[in-house]
Amino acid sequence: MWSAALLLLIAIVGCRSGDAAVKYDVIYSNEKETQSQTDPVAQETYTIGMVPKATENSYFNLVEDGAREAAADLGANLLYEGAPVADTGQQIRVIRSLISRKVDLIAVSANDSAKLLPVLREAKQSGIRVITWDSDTEREGRELFVNMVDPETLGRHLLDALAMQMNETGQYAILAGASTASNMNEWMKWIKVQNAQYYPDMKLVETAAANDDPQLAYTEAIRLMEKYPDLAGIIGTSSVALPAAAKALEDKHQAGSIHAVGLSTPNLMREYLKNGTVKNATLWSPKRLGYLTIVLAVNLLDGQTPVNGQVVRNVGEIRVKGDSVIMGEPLDFTKDNVDEYVF
């Protein structure tokens, strides 16, 4: 949950329909806003290539909205390009295309933390700065990682949410995105740590990868329920996994018998939260993540590194741990508050 010092309210002035863009503002309150927060202005016009895991994914569409707003505010040129689906080979080709166009910086959400290293080395050898956001590479592949939340906090939080509904006992499974995505693997590590430390009567029976594909996530959720007749819970660690699991629970008439928690947007989870199939879903503001990534990219090109406790306009206070920036804390959506958020 957000601290009392940081209240996230989202005001919507439009909605996505097909290819139409979502338009909404992120408004926050923080006692440190009394500090000077003049709009940053790039010292020159930069071209930034931003590469998501997949473009046909509502989560990354929202990131793009925030990135484009920041680019407009800062006077930067933004090339937001990627493959329709999460595919490492296509992501490598997109990065090579950006290298050939001599962009100033490439910001990538990595589908595979290791396989992207050679092409990212090519970018750096060409004089292009490289950062990651959402999902990291090996450290040698970039100079900065823009993280949404602290992975330990998030992993432990997800298991706590499930344990409360399962009465801290029984079998559960994890329905993930890509098995090679570093962010999801880090969250799962902390889920397992929390399990071992605090919930000895809960057993993780399987981790299934759905490659950020809604249909595959649905199929895998059905398979898990059929394979494990005593299954009592599912944790979805990608934005499409949790709504797919919720749909599977409804179709198999298992809502209430099998509990589902995880990460997704309020728009995708609203129906399932309101009808009681799912009690809570967790996320952060994808638009803020896009905005912050571009601000930090421009700052780096201007020779400015992020500072712990720095207040970023339209984002709030950030934390810096080594070569990683942490945007904020996880936010839970329930049937009682989901209508306050439209993204």
Protein backbone atom coordinates (compact mmCIF):
# COMPACT_ATOMS: atom_id res chain seq x y z
CA MET A 1 0.00 0.00 0.00
CA TRP A 2 1.14 3.56 -0.52
CA SER A 3 2.47 5.38 2.53
CA ALA A 4 0.47 8.22 3.97
CA ALA A 5 2.96 10.57 2.37
CA LEU A 6 2.13 9.43 -1.13
CA LEU A 7 -1.45 9.24 -2.37
CA LEU A 8 -2.01 8.18 -5.93
CA LEU A 9 -5.17 9.49 -7.61
CA ILE A 10 -5.82 8.97 -11.26
CA ALA A 11 -8.09 11.29 -13.24
CA ILE A 12 -9.23 9.97 -16.56
CA VAL A 13 -10.19 12.02 -19.57
CA GLY A 14 -10.48 9.20 -22.10
CA CYS A 15 -10.27 5.47 -22.63
CA ARG A 16 -8.59 3.05 -25.02
CA SER A 17 -10.67 1.61 -27.82
CA GLY A 18 -8.77 -0.37 -30.39
CA ASP A 19 -5.76 1.78 -31.18
CA ALA A 20 -7.07 4.92 -29.48
CA ALA A 21 -4.77 6.22 -26.76
CA VAL A 22 -5.65 6.30 -23.09
CA LYS A 23 -5.38 9.83 -21.72
CA TYR A 24 -5.12 10.31 -17.99
CA ASP A 25 -3.16 12.34 -15.49
CA VAL A 26 -1.30 11.04 -12.47
CA ILE A 27 -1.82 13.30 -9.48
CA TYR A 28 0.07 12.74 -6.26
CA SER A 29 0.58 14.38 -2.90
CA ASN A 30 3.90 14.34 -1.10
CA GLU A 31 5.17 16.56 1.66
CA LYS A 32 8.47 16.91 -0.20
CA GLU A 33 6.72 18.69 -3.05
CA THR A 34 7.54 21.93 -1.31
CA GLN A 35 10.99 21.48 -2.81
CA SER A 36 11.61 23.11 -6.17
CA GLN A 37 10.22 20.95 -8.96
CA THR A 38 10.83 23.04 -12.03
CA ASP A 39 10.27 21.21 -15.28
CA PRO A 40 13.54 19.64 -16.44
CA VAL A 41 14.67 20.84 -19.84
CA ALA A 42 17.08 18.82 -21.95
CA GLN A 43 20.28 20.63 -22.82
CA GLU A 44 19.80 19.51 -26.42
CA THR A 45 17.35 17.45 -28.45
CA TYR A 46 17.93 13.74 -27.91
CA THR A 47 16.49 10.73 -29.73
CA ILE A 48 15.56 7.91 -27.38
CA GLY A 49 14.61 4.42 -28.51
CA MET A 50 12.27 2.71 -26.04
CA VAL A 51 11.64 -1.02 -26.48
CA PRO A 52 8.80 -2.79 -24.60
CA LYS A 53 8.41 -6.54 -24.25
CA ALA A 54 5.35 -6.44 -26.50
CA THR A 55 3.32 -3.68 -28.15
CA GLU A 56 -0.02 -5.51 -28.21
CA ASN A 57 -0.32 -5.48 -24.43
CA SER A 58 -2.41 -2.90 -22.56
CA TYR A 59 0.22 -2.55 -19.82
CA PHE A 60 2.89 -1.47 -22.31
CA ASN A 61 0.40 0.78 -24.11
CA LEU A 62 0.04 2.71 -20.86
CA VAL A 63 3.81 2.87 -20.43
CA GLU A 64 3.98 4.38 -23.92
CA ASP A 65 1.44 7.06 -22.95
CA GLY A 66 3.64 8.17 -20.06
CA ALA A 67 6.82 8.01 -22.11
CA ARG A 68 5.34 10.17 -24.87
CA GLU A 69 4.12 12.72 -22.34
CA ALA A 70 7.60 12.97 -20.81
CA ALA A 71 9.25 13.24 -24.22
CA ALA A 72 6.91 16.09 -25.10
CA ASP A 73 7.61 17.83 -21.79
CA LEU A 74 11.38 17.51 -22.24
CA GLY A 75 11.64 18.17 -25.96
CA ALA A 76 13.04 14.71 -26.74
CA ASN A 77 12.34 12.54 -29.80
CA LEU A 78 10.85 9.20 -28.76
CA LEU A 79 10.92 6.07 -30.91
CA TYR A 80 8.69 3.59 -29.07
CA GLU A 81 9.12 0.35 -31.01
CA GLY A 82 8.75 -3.36 -30.36
CA ALA A 83 7.28 -6.62 -31.55
CA PRO A 84 3.54 -7.31 -31.17
CA VAL A 85 4.24 -10.26 -28.86
CA ALA A 86 6.99 -11.03 -26.35
CA ASP A 87 9.71 -12.53 -28.53
CA THR A 88 13.43 -12.17 -27.83
CA GLY A 89 14.51 -12.59 -31.46
CA GLN A 90 12.19 -9.82 -32.62
CA GLN A 91 13.30 -7.63 -29.73
CA ILE A 92 16.93 -8.03 -30.83
CA ARG A 93 16.00 -6.98 -34.37
CA VAL A 94 14.24 -3.87 -33.06
CA ILE A 95 17.31 -2.90 -31.03
CA ARG A 96 19.58 -3.40 -34.05
CA SER A 97 17.30 -1.14 -36.06
CA LEU A 98 17.61 1.56 -33.40
CA ILE A 99 21.39 1.17 -33.42
CA SER A 100 21.44 1.68 -37.19
CA ARG A 101 19.50 4.93 -36.74
CA LYS A 102 22.09 6.19 -34.23
CA VAL A 103 19.74 7.01 -31.40
CA ASP A 104 21.28 8.63 -28.32
CA LEU A 105 19.93 6.12 -25.81
CA ILE A 106 18.08 2.80 -25.86
CA ALA A 107 15.74 1.89 -22.98
CA VAL A 108 14.59 -1.73 -23.06
CA SER A 109 12.27 -3.98 -21.07
CA ALA A 110 14.12 -7.24 -21.54
CA ASN A 111 12.38 -10.43 -22.58
CA ASP A 112 15.58 -12.38 -21.89
CA SER A 113 18.19 -11.04 -19.47
CA ALA A 114 21.09 -12.96 -21.07
CA LYS A 115 20.28 -13.23 -24.78
CA LEU A 116 20.05 -9.46 -25.20
CA LEU A 117 23.60 -8.90 -23.96
CA PRO A 118 25.39 -9.19 -27.35
CA VAL A 119 23.15 -6.64 -29.09
CA LEU A 120 23.29 -4.28 -26.12
CA ARG A 121 27.09 -4.49 -26.25
CA GLU A 122 26.82 -3.52 -29.92
CA ALA A 123 24.81 -0.47 -28.91
CA LYS A 124 27.33 0.58 -26.27
CA GLN A 125 30.23 0.08 -28.70
CA SER A 126 28.40 2.39 -31.11
CA GLY A 127 28.35 5.11 -28.46
CA ILE A 128 24.69 4.61 -27.54
CA ARG A 129 23.72 4.74 -23.86
CA VAL A 130 21.67 1.78 -22.61
CA ILE A 131 19.26 1.53 -19.69
CA THR A 132 16.58 -1.02 -18.79
CA TRP A 133 13.11 -0.57 -17.33
CA ASP A 134 10.40 -2.97 -16.10
CA SER A 135 12.60 -6.05 -16.73
CA ASP A 136 16.37 -5.98 -16.35
CA THR A 137 19.30 -7.53 -18.20
CA GLU A 138 22.58 -8.65 -16.72
CA ARG A 139 24.27 -5.58 -15.28
CA GLU A 140 26.99 -5.50 -17.93
CA GLY A 141 24.29 -4.83 -20.54
CA ARG A 142 23.14 -1.47 -19.18
CA GLU A 143 24.10 1.35 -16.85
CA LEU A 144 20.81 1.86 -15.02
CA PHE A 145 17.66 -0.15 -14.29
CA VAL A 146 14.34 1.63 -13.71
CA ASN A 147 12.34 -0.68 -11.45
CA MET A 148 8.66 -0.27 -10.59
CA VAL A 149 8.85 -1.58 -7.03
CA ASP A 150 11.33 -3.27 -4.74
CA PRO A 151 11.23 -6.95 -5.84
CA GLU A 152 11.51 -8.28 -2.30
CA THR A 153 8.60 -6.14 -1.13
CA LEU A 154 6.45 -7.23 -4.07
CA GLY A 155 7.25 -10.94 -3.90
CA ARG A 156 6.56 -11.16 -0.19
CA HIS A 157 3.40 -9.07 -0.58
CA LEU A 158 1.94 -11.37 -3.25
CA LEU A 159 2.39 -14.48 -1.14
CA ASP A 160 1.00 -12.75 1.95
CA ALA A 161 -2.13 -11.85 -0.04
CA LEU A 162 -2.61 -15.45 -1.16
CA ALA A 163 -1.79 -16.93 2.25
CA MET A 164 -4.48 -14.83 3.90
CA GLN A 165 -7.11 -16.25 1.54
CA MET A 166 -5.81 -19.84 1.78
CA ASN A 167 -5.66 -19.75 5.59
CA GLU A 168 -1.90 -20.30 5.23
CA THR A 169 -2.25 -23.91 4.10
CA GLY A 170 -2.52 -25.90 0.86
CA GLN A 171 -1.11 -26.15 -2.66
CA TYR A 172 -0.58 -23.20 -4.97
CA ALA A 173 0.95 -22.53 -8.39
CA ILE A 174 2.58 -19.55 -10.06
CA LEU A 175 1.39 -18.50 -13.50
CA ALA A 176 4.19 -16.35 -14.91
CA GLY A 177 4.99 -14.46 -18.09
CA ALA A 178 8.23 -15.37 -19.85
CA SER A 179 10.48 -17.75 -17.93
CA THR A 180 13.49 -15.68 -19.01
CA ALA A 181 12.18 -12.33 -17.70
CA SER A 182 14.44 -11.17 -14.88
CA ASN A 183 11.78 -9.16 -13.05
CA MET A 184 9.40 -12.10 -12.74
CA ASN A 185 12.17 -14.46 -11.69
CA GLU A 186 13.20 -12.01 -8.97
CA TRP A 187 9.61 -11.73 -7.71
CA MET A 188 9.27 -15.52 -7.68
CA LYS A 189 12.50 -15.82 -5.69
CA TRP A 190 11.02 -13.68 -2.93
CA ILE A 191 7.68 -15.52 -3.08
CA LYS A 192 9.60 -18.71 -2.32
CA VAL A 193 11.63 -17.05 0.44
CA GLN A 194 8.44 -15.79 2.09
CA ASN A 195 6.93 -19.26 1.75
CA ALA A 196 9.90 -20.93 3.45
CA GLN A 197 10.11 -18.37 6.26
CA TYR A 198 6.48 -17.89 7.19
CA TYR A 199 4.15 -20.42 5.59
CA PRO A 200 5.41 -24.00 6.13
CA ASP A 201 1.98 -25.47 5.38
CA MET A 202 1.79 -23.91 1.91
CA LYS A 203 3.36 -25.81 -1.01
CA LEU A 204 4.32 -24.44 -4.43
CA VAL A 205 3.53 -27.29 -6.82
CA GLU A 206 4.49 -25.73 -10.18
CA THR A 207 5.54 -22.57 -11.97
CA ALA A 208 4.04 -22.32 -15.46
CA ALA A 209 5.24 -19.79 -18.06
CA ALA A 210 2.65 -18.24 -20.40
CA ASN A 211 4.94 -15.84 -22.32
CA ASP A 212 2.61 -12.86 -21.69
CA ASP A 213 0.03 -14.53 -23.96
CA PRO A 214 -3.55 -14.28 -22.60
CA GLN A 215 -4.80 -17.41 -24.36
CA LEU A 216 -1.80 -19.48 -23.27
CA ALA A 217 -2.20 -18.17 -19.72
CA TYR A 218 -5.85 -19.29 -19.75
CA THR A 219 -4.91 -22.72 -21.10
CA GLU A 220 -2.18 -23.10 -18.49
CA ALA A 221 -4.55 -22.12 -15.68
CA ILE A 222 -7.01 -24.81 -16.80
CA ARG A 223 -4.17 -27.35 -17.03
CA LEU A 224 -2.96 -26.52 -13.51
CA MET A 225 -6.45 -26.99 -12.06
CA GLU A 226 -6.84 -30.34 -13.80
CA LYS A 227 -3.33 -31.57 -12.92
CA TYR A 228 -3.61 -30.64 -9.23
CA PRO A 229 -7.09 -31.45 -7.91
CA ASP A 230 -6.13 -30.11 -4.48
CA LEU A 231 -4.89 -26.80 -5.85
CA ALA A 232 -5.99 -23.95 -3.59
CA GLY A 233 -4.30 -20.91 -5.08
CA ILE A 234 -2.73 -19.27 -8.16
CA ILE A 235 -0.37 -16.29 -8.25
CA GLY A 236 -0.29 -14.48 -11.60
CA THR A 237 2.94 -12.52 -12.09
CA SER A 238 2.14 -10.86 -15.42
CA SER A 239 -0.63 -8.43 -16.30
CA VAL A 240 -2.41 -11.00 -18.50
CA ALA A 241 -1.91 -14.04 -16.23
CA LEU A 242 -4.21 -12.97 -13.39
CA PRO A 243 -7.28 -12.11 -15.54
CA ALA A 244 -6.72 -15.34 -17.50
CA ALA A 245 -6.65 -17.31 -14.25
CA ALA A 246 -9.79 -15.54 -13.05
CA LYS A 247 -11.60 -16.41 -16.28
CA ALA A 248 -10.50 -20.03 -15.93
CA LEU A 249 -11.80 -20.14 -12.36
CA GLU A 250 -15.19 -18.87 -13.52
CA ASP A 251 -15.40 -21.28 -16.44
CA LYS A 252 -14.48 -24.24 -14.23
CA HIS A 253 -16.77 -23.06 -11.39
CA GLN A 254 -13.81 -22.93 -9.00
CA ALA A 255 -14.15 -19.32 -7.81
CA GLY A 256 -14.07 -19.40 -4.02
CA SER A 257 -12.51 -22.86 -3.97
CA ILE A 258 -9.29 -21.76 -5.69
CA HIS A 259 -7.99 -18.30 -4.85
CA ALA A 260 -6.12 -16.09 -7.30
CA VAL A 261 -3.91 -13.08 -6.61
CA GLY A 262 -1.27 -11.28 -8.64
CA LEU A 263 -0.44 -8.41 -10.92
CA SER A 264 -2.77 -6.74 -13.39
CA THR A 265 -4.45 -3.47 -14.27
CA PRO A 266 -7.74 -2.41 -12.67
CA ASN A 267 -9.44 -2.33 -16.08
CA LEU A 268 -8.61 -5.98 -16.72
CA MET A 269 -9.60 -7.04 -13.20
CA ARG A 270 -12.63 -4.84 -12.49
CA GLU A 271 -15.25 -7.47 -13.41
CA TYR A 272 -13.54 -10.23 -11.41
CA LEU A 273 -13.05 -8.03 -8.36
CA LYS A 274 -16.65 -6.87 -8.34
CA ASN A 275 -18.16 -10.34 -8.71
CA GLY A 276 -15.88 -11.83 -6.05
CA THR A 277 -13.89 -14.19 -8.28
CA VAL A 278 -10.74 -12.36 -7.12
CA LYS A 279 -10.43 -10.42 -3.86
CA ASN A 280 -7.47 -8.22 -4.77
CA ALA A 281 -5.07 -7.42 -7.59
CA THR A 282 -1.77 -5.57 -7.34
CA LEU A 283 0.12 -3.20 -9.62
CA TRP A 284 1.57 0.31 -9.91
CA SER A 285 1.02 3.10 -12.44
CA PRO A 286 2.43 1.97 -15.82
CA LYS A 287 2.11 5.54 -17.11
CA ARG A 288 4.32 6.83 -14.31
CA LEU A 289 6.89 4.14 -15.17
CA GLY A 290 7.03 5.36 -18.78
CA TYR A 291 7.28 8.97 -17.67
CA LEU A 292 10.06 8.25 -15.16
CA THR A 293 12.07 6.20 -17.65
CA ILE A 294 12.23 9.05 -20.16
CA VAL A 295 13.03 11.64 -17.48
CA LEU A 296 15.94 9.53 -16.21
CA ALA A 297 17.12 8.85 -19.77
CA VAL A 298 17.26 12.56 -20.58
CA ASN A 299 18.95 13.29 -17.26
CA LEU A 300 21.65 10.69 -17.98
CA LEU A 301 22.29 12.20 -21.41
CA ASP A 302 22.61 15.57 -19.70
CA GLY A 303 25.17 14.08 -17.31
CA GLN A 304 22.87 13.85 -14.28
CA THR A 305 22.58 10.60 -12.30
CA PRO A 306 19.54 9.87 -10.10
CA VAL A 307 19.73 10.58 -6.37
CA ASN A 308 18.00 8.72 -3.56
CA GLY A 309 15.01 10.72 -2.36
CA GLN A 310 14.87 12.78 -5.54
CA VAL A 311 11.37 14.11 -6.30
CA VAL A 312 10.45 13.71 -9.96
CA ARG A 313 7.60 15.76 -11.37
CA ASN A 314 4.52 13.63 -12.20
CA VAL A 315 6.10 10.68 -10.40
CA GLY A 316 6.98 11.55 -6.81
CA GLU A 317 9.91 10.53 -4.64
CA ILE A 318 12.18 7.82 -6.02
CA ARG A 319 14.61 5.50 -4.27
CA VAL A 320 18.05 4.61 -5.57
CA LYS A 321 19.72 1.32 -4.66
CA GLY A 322 23.06 0.94 -6.39
CA ASP A 323 22.44 1.09 -10.14
CA SER A 324 18.67 0.64 -9.78
CA VAL A 325 15.93 3.24 -9.36
CA ILE A 326 12.77 2.15 -7.52
CA MET A 327 9.67 4.11 -8.48
CA GLY A 328 7.42 3.34 -5.50
CA GLU A 329 5.36 0.78 -3.60
CA PRO A 330 2.81 -1.77 -4.86
CA LEU A 331 -0.82 -0.71 -4.93
CA ASP A 332 -3.72 -3.10 -4.26
CA PHE A 333 -7.06 -2.91 -6.07
CA THR A 334 -10.20 -4.35 -4.45
CA LYS A 335 -13.92 -4.25 -5.20
CA ASP A 336 -14.14 -1.22 -2.92
CA ASN A 337 -11.52 0.96 -4.65
CA VAL A 338 -11.16 -0.38 -8.20
CA ASP A 339 -13.50 2.24 -9.67
CA GLU A 340 -11.12 4.97 -8.50
CA TYR A 341 -8.62 3.76 -11.13
CA VAL A 342 -9.19 3.53 -14.85
CA PHE A 343 -6.16 2.14 -16.64
